[in-house]
PDB file of N, CA and C in Angstrom:
ATOM      1  N   MET A   1       0.823  -1.191   0.000  1.00  0.00           N
ATOM      2  CA  MET A   1       0.000   0.000   0.000  1.00  0.00           C
ATOM      3  C   MET A   1       0.871   1.259   0.000  1.00  0.00           C
ATOM      4  N   CYS A   2       1.904   1.297   0.809  1.00  0.00           N
ATOM      5  CA  CYS A   2       2.759   2.484   0.859  1.00  0.00           C
ATOM      6  C   CYS A   2       3.448   2.718  -0.477  1.00  0.00           C
ATOM      7  N   HIS A   3       3.655   1.669  -1.254  1.00  0.00           N
ATOM      8  CA  HIS A   3       4.276   1.797  -2.573  1.00  0.00           C
ATOM      9  C   HIS A   3       3.479   2.790  -3.430  1.00  0.00           C
ATOM     10  N   LEU A   4       2.164   2.669  -3.369  1.00  0.00           N
ATOM     11  CA  LEU A   4       1.292   3.565  -4.133  1.00  0.00           C
ATOM     12  C   LEU A   4       1.544   5.029  -3.768  1.00  0.00           C
ATOM     13  N   PHE A   5       1.689   5.304  -2.491  1.00  0.00           N
ATOM     14  CA  PHE A   5       1.876   6.678  -2.034  1.00  0.00           C
ATOM     15  C   PHE A   5       3.326   7.141  -2.168  1.00  0.00           C
ATOM     16  N   ALA A   6       4.258   6.237  -1.911  1.00  0.00           N
ATOM     17  CA  ALA A   6       5.670   6.603  -1.904  1.00  0.00           C
ATOM     18  C   ALA A   6       6.209   6.895  -3.295  1.00  0.00           C
ATOM     19  N   HIS A   7       5.595   6.313  -4.316  1.00  0.00           N
ATOM     20  CA  HIS A   7       6.109   6.465  -5.675  1.00  0.00           C
ATOM     21  C   HIS A   7       5.368   7.503  -6.509  1.00  0.00           C
ATOM     22  N   GLN A   8       4.579   8.349  -5.850  1.00  0.00           N
ATOM     23  CA  GLN A   8       3.907   9.410  -6.596  1.00  0.00           C
ATOM     24  C   GLN A   8       4.940  10.447  -7.035  1.00  0.00           C
ATOM     25  N   PRO A   9       4.673  11.138  -8.113  1.00  0.00           N
ATOM     26  CA  PRO A   9       5.629  12.160  -8.585  1.00  0.00           C
ATOM     27  C   PRO A   9       5.841  13.244  -7.528  1.00  0.00           C
ATOM     28  N   GLN A  10       7.083  13.626  -7.315  1.00  0.00           N
ATOM     29  CA  GLN A  10       7.395  14.657  -6.323  1.00  0.00           C
ATOM     30  C   GLN A  10       6.726  15.979  -6.659  1.00  0.00           C
ATOM     31  N   ARG A  11       6.552  16.262  -7.937  1.00  0.00           N
ATOM     32  CA  ARG A  11       5.904  17.507  -8.345  1.00  0.00           C
ATOM     33  C   ARG A  11       4.525  17.638  -7.706  1.00  0.00           C
ATOM     34  N   ASP A  12       3.809  16.524  -7.549  1.00  0.00           N
ATOM     35  CA  ASP A  12       2.453  16.575  -7.019  1.00  0.00           C
ATOM     36  C   ASP A  12       2.387  17.136  -5.604  1.00  0.00           C
ATOM     37  N   TYR A  13       3.425  16.907  -4.801  1.00  0.00           N
ATOM     38  CA  TYR A  13       3.367  17.405  -3.425  1.00  0.00           C
ATOM     39  C   TYR A  13       4.312  18.570  -3.148  1.00  0.00           C
ATOM     40  N   GLU A  14       4.899  19.094  -4.208  1.00  0.00           N
ATOM     41  CA  GLU A  14       5.640  20.349  -4.056  1.00  0.00           C
ATOM     42  C   GLU A  14       4.641  21.485  -3.914  1.00  0.00           C
ATOM     43  N   SER A  15       4.937  22.411  -3.010  1.00  0.00           N
ATOM     44  CA  SER A  15       4.031  23.530  -2.777  1.00  0.00           C
ATOM     45  C   SER A  15       4.346  24.682  -3.714  1.00  0.00           C
ATOM     46  N   GLN A  16       3.304  25.415  -4.027  1.00  0.00           N
ATOM     47  CA  GLN A  16       3.457  26.624  -4.824  1.00  0.00           C
ATOM     48  C   GLN A  16       2.536  27.686  -4.243  1.00  0.00           C
ATOM     49  N   THR A  17       3.075  28.869  -4.074  1.00  0.00           N
ATOM     50  CA  THR A  17       2.272  29.989  -3.607  1.00  0.00           C
ATOM     51  C   THR A  17       1.866  30.818  -4.814  1.00  0.00           C
ATOM     52  N   ARG A  18       0.584  31.088  -4.900  1.00  0.00           N
ATOM     53  CA  ARG A  18       0.071  31.920  -5.991  1.00  0.00           C
ATOM     54  C   ARG A  18      -0.612  33.145  -5.405  1.00  0.00           C
ATOM     55  N   SER A  19      -0.370  34.254  -6.032  1.00  0.00           N
ATOM     56  CA  SER A  19      -1.029  35.501  -5.630  1.00  0.00           C
ATOM     57  C   SER A  19      -2.258  35.692  -6.486  1.00  0.00           C
ATOM     58  N   LEU A  20      -3.315  36.147  -5.856  1.00  0.00           N
ATOM     59  CA  LEU A  20      -4.536  36.409  -6.605  1.00  0.00           C
ATOM     60  C   LEU A  20      -5.313  37.529  -5.946  1.00  0.00           C
ATOM     61  N   ARG A  21      -6.284  37.990  -6.668  1.00  0.00           N
ATOM     62  CA  ARG A  21      -7.132  39.075  -6.197  1.00  0.00           C
ATOM     63  C   ARG A  21      -8.551  38.525  -6.074  1.00  0.00           C
ATOM     64  N   ILE A  22      -9.097  38.636  -4.872  1.00  0.00           N
ATOM     65  CA  ILE A  22     -10.476  38.209  -4.624  1.00  0.00           C
ATOM     66  C   ILE A  22     -11.262  39.431  -4.208  1.00  0.00           C
ATOM     67  N   ASP A  23     -12.199  39.807  -5.047  1.00  0.00           N
ATOM     68  CA  ASP A  23     -13.017  41.010  -4.815  1.00  0.00           C
ATOM     69  C   ASP A  23     -12.166  42.233  -4.504  1.00  0.00           C
ATOM     70  N   GLY A  24     -11.112  42.416  -5.270  1.00  0.00           N
ATOM     71  CA  GLY A  24     -10.269  43.584  -5.129  1.00  0.00           C
ATOM     72  C   GLY A  24      -9.211  43.491  -4.052  1.00  0.00           C
ATOM     73  N   HIS A  25      -9.198  42.420  -3.295  1.00  0.00           N
ATOM     74  CA  HIS A  25      -8.208  42.245  -2.235  1.00  0.00           C
ATOM     75  C   HIS A  25      -7.125  41.276  -2.697  1.00  0.00           C
ATOM     76  N   CYS A  26      -5.880  41.698  -2.581  1.00  0.00           N
ATOM     77  CA  CYS A  26      -4.752  40.830  -2.948  1.00  0.00           C
ATOM     78  C   CYS A  26      -4.476  39.856  -1.811  1.00  0.00           C
ATOM     79  N   THR A  27      -4.263  38.616  -2.180  1.00  0.00           N
ATOM     80  CA  THR A  27      -3.940  37.587  -1.203  1.00  0.00           C
ATOM     81  C   THR A  27      -3.045  36.556  -1.868  1.00  0.00           C
ATOM     82  N   SER A  28      -2.506  35.668  -1.084  1.00  0.00           N
ATOM     83  CA  SER A  28      -1.726  34.576  -1.651  1.00  0.00           C
ATOM     84  C   SER A  28      -2.172  33.279  -0.988  1.00  0.00           C
ATOM     85  N   ILE A  29      -2.117  32.219  -1.759  1.00  0.00           N
ATOM     86  CA  ILE A  29      -2.527  30.900  -1.284  1.00  0.00           C
ATOM     87  C   ILE A  29      -1.422  29.916  -1.626  1.00  0.00           C
ATOM     88  N   ARG A  30      -1.048  29.110  -0.651  1.00  0.00           N
ATOM     89  CA  ARG A  30      -0.007  28.108  -0.847  1.00  0.00           C
ATOM     90  C   ARG A  30      -0.668  26.727  -0.820  1.00  0.00           C
ATOM     91  N   LEU A  31      -0.550  26.007  -1.940  1.00  0.00           N
ATOM     92  CA  LEU A  31      -1.097  24.657  -2.064  1.00  0.00           C
ATOM     93  C   LEU A  31      -0.095  23.759  -2.776  1.00  0.00           C
ATOM     94  N   GLU A  32      -0.276  22.480  -2.623  1.00  0.00           N
ATOM     95  CA  GLU A  32       0.520  21.516  -3.356  1.00  0.00           C
ATOM     96  C   GLU A  32       0.064  21.529  -4.815  1.00  0.00           C
ATOM     97  N   MET A  33       0.988  21.196  -5.715  1.00  0.00           N
ATOM     98  CA  MET A  33       0.708  21.257  -7.155  1.00  0.00           C
ATOM     99  C   MET A  33      -0.472  20.364  -7.554  1.00  0.00           C
ATOM    100  N   ALA A  34      -0.630  19.230  -6.912  1.00  0.00           N
ATOM    101  CA  ALA A  34      -1.766  18.350  -7.236  1.00  0.00           C
ATOM    102  C   ALA A  34      -3.092  19.078  -7.019  1.00  0.00           C
ATOM    103  N   PHE A  35      -3.152  19.911  -5.976  1.00  0.00           N
ATOM    104  CA  PHE A  35      -4.378  20.668  -5.722  1.00  0.00           C
ATOM    105  C   PHE A  35      -4.551  21.784  -6.741  1.00  0.00           C
ATOM    106  N   TRP A  36      -3.469  22.481  -7.098  1.00  0.00           N
ATOM    107  CA  TRP A  36      -3.577  23.522  -8.129  1.00  0.00           C
ATOM    108  C   TRP A  36      -4.054  22.907  -9.443  1.00  0.00           C
ATOM    109  N   ASP A  37      -3.513  21.745  -9.795  1.00  0.00           N
ATOM    110  CA  ASP A  37      -3.918  21.078 -11.036  1.00  0.00           C
ATOM    111  C   ASP A  37      -5.406  20.743 -11.012  1.00  0.00           C
ATOM    112  N   THR A  38      -5.871  20.244  -9.870  1.00  0.00           N
ATOM    113  CA  THR A  38      -7.285  19.881  -9.747  1.00  0.00           C
ATOM    114  C   THR A  38      -8.175  21.119  -9.812  1.00  0.00           C
ATOM    115  N   LEU A  39      -7.767  22.189  -9.154  1.00  0.00           N
ATOM    116  CA  LEU A  39      -8.552  23.426  -9.205  1.00  0.00           C
ATOM    117  C   LEU A  39      -8.624  23.984 -10.626  1.00  0.00           C
ATOM    118  N   GLU A  40      -7.526  23.898 -11.352  1.00  0.00           N
ATOM    119  CA  GLU A  40      -7.538  24.350 -12.747  1.00  0.00           C
ATOM    120  C   GLU A  40      -8.477  23.485 -13.588  1.00  0.00           C
ATOM    121  N   GLU A  41      -8.511  22.197 -13.312  1.00  0.00           N
ATOM    122  CA  GLU A  41      -9.426  21.293 -14.019  1.00  0.00           C
ATOM    123  C   GLU A  41     -10.881  21.641 -13.717  1.00  0.00           C
ATOM    124  N   ILE A  42     -11.177  21.884 -12.451  1.00  0.00           N
ATOM    125  CA  ILE A  42     -12.545  22.260 -12.065  1.00  0.00           C
ATOM    126  C   ILE A  42     -12.941  23.567 -12.744  1.00  0.00           C
ATOM    127  N   ALA A  43     -12.070  24.552 -12.697  1.00  0.00           N
ATOM    128  CA  ALA A  43     -12.363  25.851 -13.315  1.00  0.00           C
ATOM    129  C   ALA A  43     -12.619  25.693 -14.808  1.00  0.00           C
ATOM    130  N   ALA A  44     -11.809  24.888 -15.473  1.00  0.00           N
ATOM    131  CA  ALA A  44     -11.993  24.665 -16.909  1.00  0.00           C
ATOM    132  C   ALA A  44     -13.341  24.014 -17.184  1.00  0.00           C
ATOM    133  N   LYS A  45     -13.737  23.065 -16.360  1.00  0.00           N
ATOM    134  CA  LYS A  45     -15.048  22.411 -16.547  1.00  0.00           C
ATOM    135  C   LYS A  45     -16.197  23.380 -16.336  1.00  0.00           C
ATOM    136  N   GLU A  46     -15.955  24.404 -15.525  1.00  0.00           N
ATOM    137  CA  GLU A  46     -16.968  25.438 -15.282  1.00  0.00           C
ATOM    138  C   GLU A  46     -16.851  26.587 -16.277  1.00  0.00           C
ATOM    139  N   SER A  47     -15.940  26.461 -17.249  1.00  0.00           N
ATOM    140  CA  SER A  47     -15.686  27.499 -18.255  1.00  0.00           C
ATOM    141  C   SER A  47     -15.293  28.831 -17.617  1.00  0.00           C
ATOM    142  N   MET A  48     -14.430  28.744 -16.611  1.00  0.00           N
ATOM    143  CA  MET A  48     -13.956  29.931 -15.910  1.00  0.00           C
ATOM    144  C   MET A  48     -12.436  29.902 -15.842  1.00  0.00           C
ATOM    145  N   SER A  49     -11.869  31.072 -15.669  1.00  0.00           N
ATOM    146  CA  SER A  49     -10.446  31.116 -15.328  1.00  0.00           C
ATOM    147  C   SER A  49     -10.321  30.643 -13.881  1.00  0.00           C
ATOM    148  N   LEU A  50      -9.115  30.279 -13.492  1.00  0.00           N
ATOM    149  CA  LEU A  50      -8.906  29.850 -12.108  1.00  0.00           C
ATOM    150  C   LEU A  50      -9.235  30.982 -11.142  1.00  0.00           C
ATOM    151  N   GLY A  51      -8.807  32.195 -11.458  1.00  0.00           N
ATOM    152  CA  GLY A  51      -9.103  33.342 -10.601  1.00  0.00           C
ATOM    153  C   GLY A  51     -10.586  33.577 -10.424  1.00  0.00           C
ATOM    154  N   LYS A  52     -11.323  33.489 -11.514  1.00  0.00           N
ATOM    155  CA  LYS A  52     -12.776  33.680 -11.460  1.00  0.00           C
ATOM    156  C   LYS A  52     -13.438  32.575 -10.645  1.00  0.00           C
ATOM    157  N   PHE A  53     -12.980  31.342 -10.831  1.00  0.00           N
ATOM    158  CA  PHE A  53     -13.543  30.231 -10.072  1.00  0.00           C
ATOM    159  C   PHE A  53     -13.294  30.411  -8.572  1.00  0.00           C
ATOM    160  N   LEU A  54     -12.067  30.761  -8.204  1.00  0.00           N
ATOM    161  CA  LEU A  54     -11.744  30.940  -6.783  1.00  0.00           C
ATOM    162  C   LEU A  54     -12.540  32.076  -6.168  1.00  0.00           C
ATOM    163  N   THR A  55     -12.706  33.162  -6.917  1.00  0.00           N
ATOM    164  CA  THR A  55     -13.507  34.289  -6.428  1.00  0.00           C
ATOM    165  C   THR A  55     -14.962  33.877  -6.251  1.00  0.00           C
ATOM    166  N   THR A  56     -15.502  33.138  -7.219  1.00  0.00           N
ATOM    167  CA  THR A  56     -16.890  32.667  -7.127  1.00  0.00           C
ATOM    168  C   THR A  56     -17.078  31.755  -5.926  1.00  0.00           C
ATOM    169  N   LEU A  57     -16.167  30.819  -5.745  1.00  0.00           N
ATOM    170  CA  LEU A  57     -16.253  29.905  -4.602  1.00  0.00           C
ATOM    171  C   LEU A  57     -16.157  30.680  -3.292  1.00  0.00           C
ATOM    172  N   TYR A  58     -15.211  31.580  -3.212  1.00  0.00           N
ATOM    173  CA  TYR A  58     -15.035  32.396  -2.000  1.00  0.00           C
ATOM    174  C   TYR A  58     -16.332  33.140  -1.666  1.00  0.00           C
ATOM    175  N   ASN A  59     -16.923  33.775  -2.668  1.00  0.00           N
ATOM    176  CA  ASN A  59     -18.155  34.547  -2.440  1.00  0.00           C
ATOM    177  C   ASN A  59     -19.325  33.656  -2.049  1.00  0.00           C
ATOM    178  N   GLU A  60     -19.417  32.465  -2.630  1.00  0.00           N
ATOM    179  CA  GLU A  60     -20.499  31.548  -2.263  1.00  0.00           C
ATOM    180  C   GLU A  60     -20.347  31.064  -0.827  1.00  0.00           C
ATOM    181  N   VAL A  61     -19.120  30.782  -0.407  1.00  0.00           N
ATOM    182  CA  VAL A  61     -18.879  30.383   0.985  1.00  0.00           C
ATOM    183  C   VAL A  61     -19.191  31.547   1.915  1.00  0.00           C
ATOM    184  N   LEU A  62     -18.777  32.736   1.541  1.00  0.00           N
ATOM    185  CA  LEU A  62     -19.063  33.928   2.338  1.00  0.00           C
ATOM    186  C   LEU A  62     -20.567  34.144   2.489  1.00  0.00           C
ATOM    187  N   ASP A  63     -21.313  34.000   1.396  1.00  0.00           N
ATOM    188  CA  ASP A  63     -22.770  34.146   1.448  1.00  0.00           C
ATOM    189  C   ASP A  63     -23.408  33.088   2.340  1.00  0.00           C
ATOM    190  N   HIS A  64     -22.897  31.875   2.284  1.00  0.00           N
ATOM    191  CA  HIS A  64     -23.502  30.766   3.023  1.00  0.00           C
ATOM    192  C   HIS A  64     -23.140  30.790   4.513  1.00  0.00           C
ATOM    193  N   HIS A  65     -21.867  31.079   4.834  1.00  0.00           N
ATOM    194  CA  HIS A  65     -21.399  30.992   6.218  1.00  0.00           C
ATOM    195  C   HIS A  65     -21.170  32.351   6.889  1.00  0.00           C
ATOM    196  N   GLY A  66     -21.146  33.423   6.115  1.00  0.00           N
ATOM    197  CA  GLY A  66     -20.903  34.740   6.684  1.00  0.00           C
ATOM    198  C   GLY A  66     -19.433  35.085   6.845  1.00  0.00           C
ATOM    199  N   GLU A  67     -18.565  34.108   6.697  1.00  0.00           N
ATOM    200  CA  GLU A  67     -17.121  34.314   6.758  1.00  0.00           C
ATOM    201  C   GLU A  67     -16.443  33.126   6.077  1.00  0.00           C
ATOM    202  N   VAL A  68     -15.191  33.318   5.729  1.00  0.00           N
ATOM    203  CA  VAL A  68     -14.422  32.248   5.098  1.00  0.00           C
ATOM    204  C   VAL A  68     -13.199  31.990   5.965  1.00  0.00           C
ATOM    205  N   ASN A  69     -13.248  30.894   6.692  1.00  0.00           N
ATOM    206  CA  ASN A  69     -12.110  30.502   7.529  1.00  0.00           C
ATOM    207  C   ASN A  69     -11.232  29.527   6.765  1.00  0.00           C
ATOM    208  N   ASN A  70      -9.950  29.772   6.737  1.00  0.00           N
ATOM    209  CA  ASN A  70      -8.954  28.885   6.155  1.00  0.00           C
ATOM    210  C   ASN A  70      -9.314  28.470   4.722  1.00  0.00           C
ATOM    211  N   PHE A  71      -9.254  29.423   3.837  1.00  0.00           N
ATOM    212  CA  PHE A  71      -9.635  29.194   2.433  1.00  0.00           C
ATOM    213  C   PHE A  71      -8.770  28.120   1.781  1.00  0.00           C
ATOM    214  N   ALA A  72      -7.496  28.049   2.123  1.00  0.00           N
ATOM    215  CA  ALA A  72      -6.623  27.029   1.536  1.00  0.00           C
ATOM    216  C   ALA A  72      -7.106  25.631   1.904  1.00  0.00           C
ATOM    217  N   SER A  73      -7.506  25.434   3.145  1.00  0.00           N
ATOM    218  CA  SER A  73      -8.032  24.120   3.554  1.00  0.00           C
ATOM    219  C   SER A  73      -9.351  23.820   2.855  1.00  0.00           C
ATOM    220  N   LEU A  74     -10.179  24.844   2.706  1.00  0.00           N
ATOM    221  CA  LEU A  74     -11.437  24.670   1.982  1.00  0.00           C
ATOM    222  C   LEU A  74     -11.160  24.215   0.546  1.00  0.00           C
ATOM    223  N   LEU A  75     -10.134  24.800  -0.077  1.00  0.00           N
ATOM    224  CA  LEU A  75      -9.794  24.424  -1.446  1.00  0.00           C
ATOM    225  C   LEU A  75      -9.313  22.978  -1.516  1.00  0.00           C
ATOM    226  N   ARG A  76      -8.488  22.557  -0.558  1.00  0.00           N
ATOM    227  CA  ARG A  76      -8.026  21.163  -0.538  1.00  0.00           C
ATOM    228  C   ARG A  76      -9.206  20.210  -0.390  1.00  0.00           C
ATOM    229  N   CYS A  77     -10.095  20.516   0.539  1.00  0.00           N
ATOM    230  CA  CYS A  77     -11.269  19.658   0.743  1.00  0.00           C
ATOM    231  C   CYS A  77     -12.167  19.649  -0.494  1.00  0.00           C
ATOM    232  N   SER A  78     -12.286  20.786  -1.156  1.00  0.00           N
ATOM    233  CA  SER A  78     -13.077  20.855  -2.388  1.00  0.00           C
ATOM    234  C   SER A  78     -12.492  19.941  -3.459  1.00  0.00           C
ATOM    235  N   CYS A  79     -11.171  19.920  -3.541  1.00  0.00           N
ATOM    236  CA  CYS A  79     -10.505  19.030  -4.509  1.00  0.00           C
ATOM    237  C   CYS A  79     -10.780  17.565  -4.187  1.00  0.00           C
ATOM    238  N   LEU A  80     -10.745  17.217  -2.896  1.00  0.00           N
ATOM    239  CA  LEU A  80     -11.027  15.832  -2.496  1.00  0.00           C
ATOM    240  C   LEU A  80     -12.462  15.444  -2.841  1.00  0.00           C
ATOM    241  N   ILE A  81     -13.393  16.349  -2.595  1.00  0.00           N
ATOM    242  CA  ILE A  81     -14.796  16.093  -2.946  1.00  0.00           C
ATOM    243  C   ILE A  81     -14.934  15.906  -4.449  1.00  0.00           C
ATOM    244  N   TYR A  82     -14.313  16.786  -5.216  1.00  0.00           N
ATOM    245  CA  TYR A  82     -14.380  16.706  -6.677  1.00  0.00           C
ATOM    246  C   TYR A  82     -13.814  15.374  -7.164  1.00  0.00           C
ATOM    247  N   ARG A  83     -12.643  14.987  -6.664  1.00  0.00           N
ATOM    248  CA  ARG A  83     -12.019  13.734  -7.089  1.00  0.00           C
ATOM    249  C   ARG A  83     -12.862  12.527  -6.700  1.00  0.00           C
ATOM    250  N   SER A  84     -13.436  12.536  -5.498  1.00  0.00           N
ATOM    251  CA  SER A  84     -14.245  11.387  -5.081  1.00  0.00           C
ATOM    252  C   SER A  84     -15.516  11.282  -5.919  1.00  0.00           C
ATOM    253  N   LYS A  85     -16.127  12.412  -6.246  1.00  0.00           N
ATOM    254  CA  LYS A  85     -17.330  12.377  -7.094  1.00  0.00           C
ATOM    255  C   LYS A  85     -16.983  11.991  -8.524  1.00  0.00           C
ATOM    256  N   THR A  86     -15.822  12.427  -8.999  1.00  0.00           N
ATOM    257  CA  THR A  86     -15.380  12.045 -10.341  1.00  0.00           C
ATOM    258  C   THR A  86     -15.162  10.545 -10.416  1.00  0.00           C
ATOM    259  N   MET A  87     -14.526   9.989  -9.401  1.00  0.00           N
ATOM    260  CA  MET A  87     -14.279   8.543  -9.378  1.00  0.00           C
ATOM    261  C   MET A  87     -15.588   7.766  -9.263  1.00  0.00           C
ATOM    262  N   ALA A  88     -16.526   8.276  -8.474  1.00  0.00           N
ATOM    263  CA  ALA A  88     -17.817   7.606  -8.313  1.00  0.00           C
ATOM    264  C   ALA A  88     -18.572   7.585  -9.634  1.00  0.00           C
ATOM    265  N   SER A  89     -18.529   8.685 -10.383  1.00  0.00           N
ATOM    266  CA  SER A  89     -19.247   8.718 -11.659  1.00  0.00           C
ATOM    267  C   SER A  89     -18.582   7.805 -12.687  1.00  0.00           C
ATOM    268  N   VAL A  90     -17.274   7.658 -12.619  1.00  0.00           N
ATOM    269  CA  VAL A  90     -16.578   6.733 -13.525  1.00  0.00           C
ATOM    270  C   VAL A  90     -17.004   5.312 -13.221  1.00  0.00           C
ATOM    271  N   GLN A  91     -17.122   4.978 -11.941  1.00  0.00           N
ATOM    272  CA  GLN A  91     -17.532   3.633 -11.543  1.00  0.00           C
ATOM    273  C   GLN A  91     -18.959   3.326 -12.015  1.00  0.00           C
ATOM    274  N   GLU A  92     -19.848   4.315 -11.977  1.00  0.00           N
ATOM    275  CA  GLU A  92     -21.232   4.124 -12.393  1.00  0.00           C
ATOM    276  C   GLU A  92     -21.349   3.822 -13.877  1.00  0.00           C
ATOM    277  N   PHE A  93     -20.460   4.377 -14.692  1.00  0.00           N
ATOM    278  CA  PHE A  93     -20.560   4.232 -16.130  1.00  0.00           C
ATOM    279  C   PHE A  93     -19.777   3.056 -16.690  1.00  0.00           C
ATOM    280  N   LYS A  94     -19.110   2.305 -15.828  1.00  0.00           N
ATOM    281  CA  LYS A  94     -18.396   1.130 -16.321  1.00  0.00           C
ATOM    282  C   LYS A  94     -19.404   0.077 -16.727  1.00  0.00           C
ATOM    283  N   ALA A  95     -19.231  -0.438 -17.919  1.00  0.00           N
ATOM    284  CA  ALA A  95     -20.135  -1.478 -18.409  1.00  0.00           C
ATOM    285  C   ALA A  95     -19.834  -2.782 -17.675  1.00  0.00           C
ATOM    286  N   PRO A  96     -20.866  -3.558 -17.381  1.00  0.00           N
ATOM    287  CA  PRO A  96     -20.620  -4.838 -16.726  1.00  0.00           C
ATOM    288  C   PRO A  96     -19.878  -5.778 -17.660  1.00  0.00           C
ATOM    289  N   ILE A  97     -19.009  -6.570 -17.078  1.00  0.00           N
ATOM    290  CA  ILE A  97     -18.279  -7.559 -17.851  1.00  0.00           C
ATOM    291  C   ILE A  97     -19.103  -8.834 -17.900  1.00  0.00           C
ATOM    292  N   LEU A  98     -19.417  -9.259 -19.088  1.00  0.00           N
ATOM    293  CA  LEU A  98     -20.240 -10.447 -19.245  1.00  0.00           C
ATOM    294  C   LEU A  98     -19.355 -11.669 -19.449  1.00  0.00           C
ATOM    295  N   ASP A  99     -19.783 -12.759 -18.865  1.00  0.00           N
ATOM    296  CA  ASP A  99     -19.090 -14.023 -19.019  1.00  0.00           C
ATOM    297  C   ASP A  99     -19.455 -14.579 -20.394  1.00  0.00           C
ATOM    298  N   ALA A 100     -18.482 -15.113 -21.100  1.00  0.00           N
ATOM    299  CA  ALA A 100     -18.717 -15.640 -22.449  1.00  0.00           C
ATOM    300  C   ALA A 100     -19.735 -16.771 -22.442  1.00  0.00           C
ATOM    301  N   ALA A 101     -19.905 -17.445 -21.305  1.00  0.00           N
ATOM    302  CA  ALA A 101     -20.853 -18.550 -21.217  1.00  0.00           C
ATOM    303  C   ALA A 101     -22.286 -18.070 -21.091  1.00  0.00           C
ATOM    304  N   GLU A 102     -22.456 -16.788 -20.813  1.00  0.00           N
ATOM    305  CA  GLU A 102     -23.819 -16.283 -20.622  1.00  0.00           C
ATOM    306  C   GLU A 102     -24.532 -16.048 -21.927  1.00  0.00           C
TER     307      GLU A 102
END
């Protein structure tokens, strides 16, 4: 089991800090590259730039909770939710394997 985790590309867990502007406020967020890649994928699926997607998500959380605590952690958890739902939908669409004797 550890082989699966130990042999992942180092790039995936290297951190990168990105500066962005959310509603006119400059901020920076530090995430591992695997999370940045996933966020870019989500934004592309939503037909948004990454900046626009992050601003939209931030504002929706702000509207729902009244504040945004630890946005970087929220982004990581969002990526995990996205990946788990993506994997679940892939599993649903797999065609059953039929036995040749059937």
